Amino acid sequence: MDTNNSLFNEFRAYWQMSEEMIADATKEDLAEVARIFALQAAHYARKYGEHQLPDLAHLLSATTLDDDSVGLLRDGTEALVGVLAMVTGNSGIDMDETIQ
């Protein structure tokens, strides 16, 4: 993976931000985030039918990534940051500034 890839850099910025937000979040905040993601998964299943979830945990410790995997990681960390911000009331996030 080219570390100059803008998508990869966005992923890294979201990952760092999520780490900081998780460190500042309370246990109750994190439980609320988990509940929101569970509801989103249930909504998806009702709307599109049950699908077996792929085992994606390996992506969190992968040493090499293809573009599709980087995109998935970037989208996932963006969603995490968004839900964390909503739950914690941290609306002062400016990702455009963070990514650059």
N, C-alpha and C. Protein backbone atom coordinates (compact mmCIF):
# COMPACT_ATOMS: atom_id res chain seq x y z
N MET A 1 0.84 -1.18 0.00
CA MET A 1 0.00 0.00 0.00
C MET A 1 0.87 1.23 0.00
N ASP A 2 0.58 2.15 -0.89
CA ASP A 2 1.29 3.41 -0.99
C ASP A 2 0.84 4.32 0.15
N THR A 3 1.76 4.66 1.06
CA THR A 3 1.39 5.49 2.21
C THR A 3 1.12 6.94 1.80
N ASN A 4 1.34 7.28 0.55
CA ASN A 4 0.98 8.60 0.05
C ASN A 4 -0.43 8.62 -0.52
N ASN A 5 -1.08 7.47 -0.54
CA ASN A 5 -2.45 7.33 -1.03
C ASN A 5 -3.37 8.17 -0.15
N SER A 6 -4.15 9.06 -0.77
CA SER A 6 -5.01 9.95 0.02
C SER A 6 -6.06 9.19 0.82
N LEU A 7 -6.59 8.10 0.27
CA LEU A 7 -7.57 7.30 0.99
C LEU A 7 -6.93 6.68 2.24
N PHE A 8 -5.71 6.20 2.11
CA PHE A 8 -4.99 5.64 3.24
C PHE A 8 -4.73 6.72 4.30
N ASN A 9 -4.37 7.90 3.88
CA ASN A 9 -4.13 8.99 4.82
C ASN A 9 -5.41 9.42 5.52
N GLU A 10 -6.53 9.40 4.82
CA GLU A 10 -7.81 9.68 5.46
C GLU A 10 -8.11 8.62 6.51
N PHE A 11 -7.89 7.35 6.17
CA PHE A 11 -8.09 6.27 7.14
C PHE A 11 -7.24 6.52 8.38
N ARG A 12 -5.97 6.82 8.19
CA ARG A 12 -5.07 7.04 9.33
C ARG A 12 -5.54 8.20 10.19
N ALA A 13 -6.03 9.27 9.57
CA ALA A 13 -6.52 10.43 10.32
C ALA A 13 -7.77 10.06 11.12
N TYR A 14 -8.70 9.35 10.49
CA TYR A 14 -9.91 8.92 11.20
C TYR A 14 -9.55 7.96 12.33
N TRP A 15 -8.61 7.06 12.07
CA TRP A 15 -8.19 6.09 13.10
C TRP A 15 -7.63 6.83 14.31
N GLN A 16 -6.75 7.79 14.08
CA GLN A 16 -6.16 8.56 15.18
C GLN A 16 -7.25 9.30 15.94
N MET A 17 -8.16 9.93 15.21
CA MET A 17 -9.24 10.66 15.87
C MET A 17 -10.11 9.71 16.68
N SER A 18 -10.40 8.53 16.13
CA SER A 18 -11.23 7.58 16.88
C SER A 18 -10.52 7.11 18.14
N GLU A 19 -9.21 6.91 18.08
CA GLU A 19 -8.44 6.52 19.26
C GLU A 19 -8.56 7.58 20.36
N GLU A 20 -8.43 8.83 19.98
CA GLU A 20 -8.53 9.93 20.94
C GLU A 20 -9.94 10.01 21.52
N MET A 21 -10.94 9.86 20.67
CA MET A 21 -12.33 9.95 21.13
C MET A 21 -12.69 8.78 22.04
N ILE A 22 -12.21 7.60 21.72
CA ILE A 22 -12.47 6.42 22.56
C ILE A 22 -11.82 6.63 23.93
N ALA A 23 -10.61 7.16 23.94
CA ALA A 23 -9.93 7.39 25.22
C ALA A 23 -10.69 8.37 26.10
N ASP A 24 -11.37 9.33 25.49
CA ASP A 24 -12.13 10.34 26.24
C ASP A 24 -13.56 9.91 26.55
N ALA A 25 -14.05 8.88 25.88
CA ALA A 25 -15.45 8.46 26.05
C ALA A 25 -15.64 7.69 27.35
N THR A 26 -16.85 7.79 27.87
CA THR A 26 -17.19 7.00 29.05
C THR A 26 -17.63 5.60 28.61
N LYS A 27 -17.71 4.72 29.56
CA LYS A 27 -18.21 3.37 29.27
C LYS A 27 -19.63 3.45 28.71
N GLU A 28 -20.43 4.34 29.25
CA GLU A 28 -21.81 4.51 28.77
C GLU A 28 -21.83 5.03 27.33
N ASP A 29 -20.93 5.94 27.01
CA ASP A 29 -20.83 6.44 25.63
C ASP A 29 -20.52 5.29 24.67
N LEU A 30 -19.54 4.47 25.04
CA LEU A 30 -19.14 3.36 24.17
C LEU A 30 -20.26 2.33 24.04
N ALA A 31 -21.01 2.11 25.12
CA ALA A 31 -22.16 1.20 25.05
C ALA A 31 -23.21 1.75 24.09
N GLU A 32 -23.43 3.06 24.13
CA GLU A 32 -24.40 3.69 23.22
C GLU A 32 -23.95 3.57 21.77
N VAL A 33 -22.65 3.73 21.52
CA VAL A 33 -22.11 3.57 20.17
C VAL A 33 -22.36 2.14 19.69
N ALA A 34 -22.10 1.16 20.54
CA ALA A 34 -22.32 -0.25 20.18
C ALA A 34 -23.80 -0.49 19.87
N ARG A 35 -24.69 0.09 20.66
CA ARG A 35 -26.13 -0.08 20.42
C ARG A 35 -26.55 0.53 19.09
N ILE A 36 -26.00 1.69 18.76
CA ILE A 36 -26.33 2.34 17.48
C ILE A 36 -25.87 1.48 16.32
N PHE A 37 -24.66 0.95 16.40
CA PHE A 37 -24.17 0.09 15.31
C PHE A 37 -24.98 -1.20 15.23
N ALA A 38 -25.41 -1.74 16.37
CA ALA A 38 -26.26 -2.94 16.35
C ALA A 38 -27.59 -2.64 15.68
N LEU A 39 -28.16 -1.47 15.96
CA LEU A 39 -29.41 -1.08 15.31
C LEU A 39 -29.21 -0.89 13.81
N GLN A 40 -28.08 -0.33 13.41
CA GLN A 40 -27.81 -0.17 11.99
C GLN A 40 -27.68 -1.53 11.30
N ALA A 41 -27.03 -2.48 11.96
CA ALA A 41 -26.92 -3.83 11.40
C ALA A 41 -28.29 -4.48 11.29
N ALA A 42 -29.13 -4.31 12.31
CA ALA A 42 -30.48 -4.88 12.28
C ALA A 42 -31.31 -4.22 11.18
N HIS A 43 -31.18 -2.93 11.02
CA HIS A 43 -31.90 -2.21 9.96
C HIS A 43 -31.49 -2.74 8.59
N TYR A 44 -30.19 -2.90 8.39
CA TYR A 44 -29.68 -3.43 7.13
C TYR A 44 -30.25 -4.83 6.86
N ALA A 45 -30.25 -5.68 7.90
CA ALA A 45 -30.76 -7.05 7.74
C ALA A 45 -32.25 -7.05 7.39
N ARG A 46 -33.02 -6.19 8.01
CA ARG A 46 -34.45 -6.12 7.70
C ARG A 46 -34.69 -5.59 6.29
N LYS A 47 -33.89 -4.64 5.89
CA LYS A 47 -34.09 -4.01 4.58
C LYS A 47 -33.59 -4.90 3.43
N TYR A 48 -32.46 -5.57 3.62
CA TYR A 48 -31.82 -6.32 2.54
C TYR A 48 -31.78 -7.82 2.78
N GLY A 49 -32.30 -8.28 3.91
CA GLY A 49 -32.26 -9.70 4.23
C GLY A 49 -31.01 -10.05 5.01
N GLU A 50 -31.08 -11.20 5.63
CA GLU A 50 -29.95 -11.67 6.43
C GLU A 50 -28.79 -12.07 5.51
N HIS A 51 -27.62 -11.62 5.85
CA HIS A 51 -26.39 -11.99 5.15
C HIS A 51 -25.36 -12.38 6.20
N GLN A 52 -24.61 -13.40 5.89
CA GLN A 52 -23.55 -13.79 6.81
C GLN A 52 -22.49 -12.69 6.82
N LEU A 53 -22.14 -12.25 8.01
CA LEU A 53 -21.13 -11.21 8.13
C LEU A 53 -19.75 -11.79 7.84
N PRO A 54 -18.99 -11.12 6.99
CA PRO A 54 -17.62 -11.60 6.74
C PRO A 54 -16.75 -11.35 7.96
N ASP A 55 -15.74 -12.15 8.12
CA ASP A 55 -14.78 -11.97 9.21
C ASP A 55 -13.78 -10.90 8.77
N LEU A 56 -13.97 -9.71 9.27
CA LEU A 56 -13.13 -8.59 8.86
C LEU A 56 -12.11 -8.19 9.91
N ALA A 57 -12.09 -8.89 11.04
CA ALA A 57 -11.16 -8.53 12.12
C ALA A 57 -9.71 -8.57 11.66
N HIS A 58 -9.41 -9.43 10.70
CA HIS A 58 -8.03 -9.52 10.22
C HIS A 58 -7.54 -8.21 9.61
N LEU A 59 -8.46 -7.38 9.11
CA LEU A 59 -8.06 -6.11 8.51
C LEU A 59 -7.45 -5.17 9.55
N LEU A 60 -7.85 -5.33 10.80
CA LEU A 60 -7.37 -4.43 11.84
C LEU A 60 -5.90 -4.67 12.19
N SER A 61 -5.38 -5.82 11.79
CA SER A 61 -3.97 -6.11 12.09
C SER A 61 -3.17 -6.47 10.83
N ALA A 62 -3.74 -6.23 9.68
CA ALA A 62 -3.07 -6.57 8.42
C ALA A 62 -1.83 -5.70 8.23
N THR A 63 -0.81 -6.27 7.63
CA THR A 63 0.41 -5.52 7.33
C THR A 63 0.42 -5.01 5.89
N THR A 64 -0.40 -5.60 5.04
CA THR A 64 -0.57 -5.11 3.67
C THR A 64 -2.06 -5.04 3.38
N LEU A 65 -2.44 -4.04 2.60
CA LEU A 65 -3.85 -3.82 2.30
C LEU A 65 -4.01 -3.47 0.83
N ASP A 66 -5.08 -3.97 0.23
CA ASP A 66 -5.40 -3.54 -1.13
C ASP A 66 -6.32 -2.32 -1.04
N ASP A 67 -6.59 -1.69 -2.18
CA ASP A 67 -7.39 -0.47 -2.19
C ASP A 67 -8.79 -0.68 -1.63
N ASP A 68 -9.42 -1.82 -1.92
CA ASP A 68 -10.76 -2.08 -1.39
C ASP A 68 -10.76 -2.17 0.13
N SER A 69 -9.74 -2.82 0.68
CA SER A 69 -9.63 -2.94 2.13
C SER A 69 -9.40 -1.58 2.78
N VAL A 70 -8.55 -0.76 2.17
CA VAL A 70 -8.30 0.58 2.70
C VAL A 70 -9.59 1.39 2.67
N GLY A 71 -10.34 1.27 1.59
CA GLY A 71 -11.61 1.99 1.49
C GLY A 71 -12.60 1.55 2.56
N LEU A 72 -12.66 0.26 2.81
CA LEU A 72 -13.56 -0.25 3.85
C LEU A 72 -13.13 0.23 5.23
N LEU A 73 -11.83 0.19 5.50
CA LEU A 73 -11.33 0.68 6.78
C LEU A 73 -11.59 2.18 6.94
N ARG A 74 -11.39 2.92 5.89
CA ARG A 74 -11.64 4.37 5.94
C ARG A 74 -13.10 4.65 6.21
N ASP A 75 -13.99 3.97 5.49
CA ASP A 75 -15.43 4.18 5.69
C ASP A 75 -15.87 3.78 7.09
N GLY A 76 -15.31 2.69 7.58
CA GLY A 76 -15.66 2.22 8.92
C GLY A 76 -15.20 3.17 10.00
N THR A 77 -13.98 3.67 9.88
CA THR A 77 -13.49 4.59 10.90
C THR A 77 -14.20 5.94 10.81
N GLU A 78 -14.58 6.35 9.61
CA GLU A 78 -15.37 7.58 9.47
C GLU A 78 -16.71 7.42 10.18
N ALA A 79 -17.35 6.26 10.00
CA ALA A 79 -18.63 5.99 10.67
C ALA A 79 -18.45 5.99 12.19
N LEU A 80 -17.37 5.36 12.66
CA LEU A 80 -17.10 5.32 14.09
C LEU A 80 -16.92 6.72 14.66
N VAL A 81 -16.13 7.54 14.00
CA VAL A 81 -15.92 8.91 14.47
C VAL A 81 -17.24 9.67 14.47
N GLY A 82 -18.05 9.49 13.45
CA GLY A 82 -19.33 10.19 13.38
C GLY A 82 -20.27 9.80 14.51
N VAL A 83 -20.37 8.51 14.79
CA VAL A 83 -21.25 8.06 15.86
C VAL A 83 -20.68 8.47 17.22
N LEU A 84 -19.38 8.36 17.40
CA LEU A 84 -18.77 8.82 18.66
C LEU A 84 -19.04 10.31 18.87
N ALA A 85 -18.91 11.10 17.82
CA ALA A 85 -19.16 12.54 17.93
C ALA A 85 -20.61 12.81 18.31
N MET A 86 -21.53 12.07 17.70
CA MET A 86 -22.94 12.25 17.99
C MET A 86 -23.24 11.89 19.45
N VAL A 87 -22.72 10.77 19.90
CA VAL A 87 -23.00 10.29 21.25
C VAL A 87 -22.36 11.17 22.31
N THR A 88 -21.13 11.61 22.08
CA THR A 88 -20.41 12.38 23.08
C THR A 88 -20.68 13.87 22.98
N GLY A 89 -21.36 14.30 21.91
CA GLY A 89 -21.62 15.72 21.73
C GLY A 89 -20.41 16.49 21.23
N ASN A 90 -19.42 15.78 20.73
CA ASN A 90 -18.20 16.40 20.22
C ASN A 90 -18.43 16.83 18.79
N SER A 91 -19.04 17.99 18.62
CA SER A 91 -19.36 18.46 17.28
C SER A 91 -18.29 19.36 16.70
N GLY A 92 -17.17 19.52 17.41
CA GLY A 92 -16.11 20.40 16.94
C GLY A 92 -15.12 19.70 16.03
N ILE A 93 -15.52 18.60 15.40
CA ILE A 93 -14.61 17.84 14.55
C ILE A 93 -14.55 18.48 13.17
N ASP A 94 -13.35 18.75 12.71
CA ASP A 94 -13.14 19.26 11.37
C ASP A 94 -12.18 18.32 10.66
N MET A 95 -12.74 17.30 10.00
CA MET A 95 -11.90 16.30 9.36
C MET A 95 -11.11 16.89 8.20
N ASP A 96 -11.64 17.89 7.51
CA ASP A 96 -10.88 18.48 6.42
C ASP A 96 -9.55 19.03 6.94
N GLU A 97 -9.59 19.63 8.12
CA GLU A 97 -8.37 20.17 8.71
C GLU A 97 -7.48 19.03 9.22
N THR A 98 -8.07 17.99 9.79
CA THR A 98 -7.32 16.88 10.36
C THR A 98 -6.60 16.09 9.28
N ILE A 99 -7.24 15.88 8.14
CA ILE A 99 -6.68 15.05 7.08
C ILE A 99 -5.51 15.72 6.40
N GLN A 100 -5.51 17.03 6.32
CA GLN A 100 -4.44 17.73 5.61
C GLN A 100 -3.22 17.84 6.40
